[in-house]
Amino acid sequence: MQQDHHILKIEQSFFQQIIDGIKRFEVRKNDRDYKLGDVLVLGERTLMGTSTGRVTHVKITTILIDERFCKKGFVTLGIGLVTDSSTLC
C-alpha cells in the first residue's frame, strides 16, 4: 500500500505529549487526502511559530470524518508514534 507523507507543524506542548505517548490523536483541517497508513511528519513549533528543530513521525491508524463528532471541514486522526525508521518507506 502506498503511503503519503504529510509535513505539518505542531505546538510544543502537543508535540511532547505525542513523544510521551499521552496524545494518540490529531485533529486537523481536512484539506489533504489523509489515508490509513500515511505518515505525519510533525515539526515542533513554539507558540510564536518558530521551529525548535525537533521532528517526529507518526502513522495514521484511524480516521474519523463524521460531522456528528468533528467540526465541519475537520478530521480526527488516530496516530501511533513511529519508532522504526523502516516503516517510513
C-alpha atoms as a PDB file:
ATOM      1  CA  MET A   1       0.000   0.000   0.000  1.00  0.00           C
ATOM      2  CA  GLN A   2       1.330   3.422  -1.000  1.00  0.00           C
ATOM      3  CA  GLN A   3       1.674   5.756   1.945  1.00  0.00           C
ATOM      4  CA  ASP A   4       1.919   9.516   1.700  1.00  0.00           C
ATOM      5  CA  HIS A   5       3.907  11.779   3.979  1.00  0.00           C
ATOM      6  CA  HIS A   6       2.306  14.973   5.258  1.00  0.00           C
ATOM      7  CA  ILE A   7       4.621  17.632   6.700  1.00  0.00           C
ATOM      8  CA  LEU A   8       2.805  19.508   9.458  1.00  0.00           C
ATOM      9  CA  LYS A   9       3.558  21.980  12.241  1.00  0.00           C
ATOM     10  CA  ILE A  10       2.601  21.257  15.855  1.00  0.00           C
ATOM     11  CA  GLU A  11       2.833  23.253  19.091  1.00  0.00           C
ATOM     12  CA  GLN A  12       5.448  22.253  21.677  1.00  0.00           C
ATOM     13  CA  SER A  13       3.032  21.011  24.344  1.00  0.00           C
ATOM     14  CA  PHE A  14       1.206  18.742  21.903  1.00  0.00           C
ATOM     15  CA  PHE A  15       4.495  17.558  20.375  1.00  0.00           C
ATOM     16  CA  GLN A  16       5.786  16.479  23.779  1.00  0.00           C
ATOM     17  CA  GLN A  17       2.538  14.692  24.617  1.00  0.00           C
ATOM     18  CA  ILE A  18       2.907  12.655  21.422  1.00  0.00           C
ATOM     19  CA  ILE A  19       6.532  11.827  22.258  1.00  0.00           C
ATOM     20  CA  ASP A  20       5.464  10.774  25.780  1.00  0.00           C
ATOM     21  CA  GLY A  21       2.694   8.543  24.363  1.00  0.00           C
ATOM     22  CA  ILE A  22      -0.074  10.542  26.038  1.00  0.00           C
ATOM     23  CA  LYS A  23      -1.649  12.084  22.931  1.00  0.00           C
ATOM     24  CA  ARG A  24      -2.671   9.474  20.368  1.00  0.00           C
ATOM     25  CA  PHE A  25      -4.821  11.566  18.072  1.00  0.00           C
ATOM     26  CA  GLU A  26      -4.503  14.666  15.952  1.00  0.00           C
ATOM     27  CA  VAL A  27      -7.349  16.994  14.918  1.00  0.00           C
ATOM     28  CA  ARG A  28      -6.644  18.657  11.604  1.00  0.00           C
ATOM     29  CA  LYS A  29      -8.359  20.615   8.879  1.00  0.00           C
ATOM     30  CA  ASN A  30      -9.425  18.071   6.284  1.00  0.00           C
ATOM     31  CA  ASP A  31      -7.539  19.777   3.463  1.00  0.00           C
ATOM     32  CA  ARG A  32      -5.380  16.791   2.493  1.00  0.00           C
ATOM     33  CA  ASP A  33      -6.156  13.322   1.268  1.00  0.00           C
ATOM     34  CA  TYR A  34      -5.332  11.571   4.559  1.00  0.00           C
ATOM     35  CA  LYS A  35      -5.345   7.776   4.330  1.00  0.00           C
ATOM     36  CA  LEU A  36      -4.759   4.925   6.769  1.00  0.00           C
ATOM     37  CA  GLY A  37      -1.046   4.194   6.956  1.00  0.00           C
ATOM     38  CA  ASP A  38       0.030   7.694   5.889  1.00  0.00           C
ATOM     39  CA  VAL A  39       2.853   9.260   7.889  1.00  0.00           C
ATOM     40  CA  LEU A  40       2.607  12.666   9.531  1.00  0.00           C
ATOM     41  CA  VAL A  41       5.969  14.398   9.816  1.00  0.00           C
ATOM     42  CA  LEU A  42       5.398  16.698  12.783  1.00  0.00           C
ATOM     43  CA  GLY A  43       7.717  19.676  13.219  1.00  0.00           C
ATOM     44  CA  GLU A  44       7.661  21.224  16.688  1.00  0.00           C
ATOM     45  CA  ARG A  45       6.905  24.962  16.877  1.00  0.00           C
ATOM     46  CA  THR A  46       6.927  27.459  19.731  1.00  0.00           C
ATOM     47  CA  LEU A  47       3.780  29.478  20.477  1.00  0.00           C
ATOM     48  CA  MET A  48       5.382  32.265  18.439  1.00  0.00           C
ATOM     49  CA  GLY A  49       5.619  29.907  15.442  1.00  0.00           C
ATOM     50  CA  THR A  50       9.387  29.414  15.489  1.00  0.00           C
ATOM     51  CA  SER A  51      10.717  25.958  14.693  1.00  0.00           C
ATOM     52  CA  THR A  52      12.547  24.216  17.529  1.00  0.00           C
ATOM     53  CA  GLY A  53      14.225  21.813  15.099  1.00  0.00           C
ATOM     54  CA  ARG A  54      12.618  18.756  16.665  1.00  0.00           C
ATOM     55  CA  VAL A  55      10.672  16.441  14.355  1.00  0.00           C
ATOM     56  CA  THR A  56       8.806  13.187  14.916  1.00  0.00           C
ATOM     57  CA  HIS A  57       6.927  10.778  12.689  1.00  0.00           C
ATOM     58  CA  VAL A  58       3.539   9.232  13.418  1.00  0.00           C
ATOM     59  CA  LYS A  59       1.449   6.852  11.354  1.00  0.00           C
ATOM     60  CA  ILE A  60      -2.310   7.281  10.843  1.00  0.00           C
ATOM     61  CA  THR A  61      -4.098   4.312  12.427  1.00  0.00           C
ATOM     62  CA  THR A  62      -7.709   5.558  12.391  1.00  0.00           C
ATOM     63  CA  ILE A  63      -9.609   8.294  10.575  1.00  0.00           C
ATOM     64  CA  LEU A  64     -12.826   9.848  11.894  1.00  0.00           C
ATOM     65  CA  ILE A  65     -14.701  12.050   9.435  1.00  0.00           C
ATOM     66  CA  ASP A  66     -18.168  12.468  10.870  1.00  0.00           C
ATOM     67  CA  GLU A  67     -19.846  15.828  11.369  1.00  0.00           C
ATOM     68  CA  ARG A  68     -21.694  14.459  14.408  1.00  0.00           C
ATOM     69  CA  PHE A  69     -18.351  14.336  16.223  1.00  0.00           C
ATOM     70  CA  CYS A  70     -15.998  16.602  14.243  1.00  0.00           C
ATOM     71  CA  LYS A  71     -16.417  20.232  13.322  1.00  0.00           C
ATOM     72  CA  LYS A  72     -17.331  20.560   9.643  1.00  0.00           C
ATOM     73  CA  GLY A  73     -14.198  20.507   7.494  1.00  0.00           C
ATOM     74  CA  PHE A  74     -12.059  18.795  10.154  1.00  0.00           C
ATOM     75  CA  VAL A  75     -10.882  15.242  10.731  1.00  0.00           C
ATOM     76  CA  THR A  76      -9.682  13.356  13.808  1.00  0.00           C
ATOM     77  CA  LEU A  77      -6.711  11.110  13.094  1.00  0.00           C
ATOM     78  CA  GLY A  78      -5.729   8.275  15.397  1.00  0.00           C
ATOM     79  CA  ILE A  79      -1.923   8.148  15.404  1.00  0.00           C
ATOM     80  CA  GLY A  80       0.872   5.887  16.540  1.00  0.00           C
ATOM     81  CA  LEU A  81       4.439   7.010  17.104  1.00  0.00           C
ATOM     82  CA  VAL A  82       6.826   5.570  14.524  1.00  0.00           C
ATOM     83  CA  THR A  83       9.885   4.209  16.299  1.00  0.00           C
ATOM     84  CA  ASP A  84      11.256   2.039  13.488  1.00  0.00           C
ATOM     85  CA  SER A  85      12.543   4.032  10.503  1.00  0.00           C
ATOM     86  CA  SER A  86      11.998   1.035   8.185  1.00  0.00           C
ATOM     87  CA  THR A  87       8.229   1.633   8.452  1.00  0.00           C
ATOM     88  CA  LEU A  88       8.612   5.119   6.926  1.00  0.00           C
ATOM     89  CA  CYS A  89       9.033   3.848   3.370  1.00  0.00           C
END
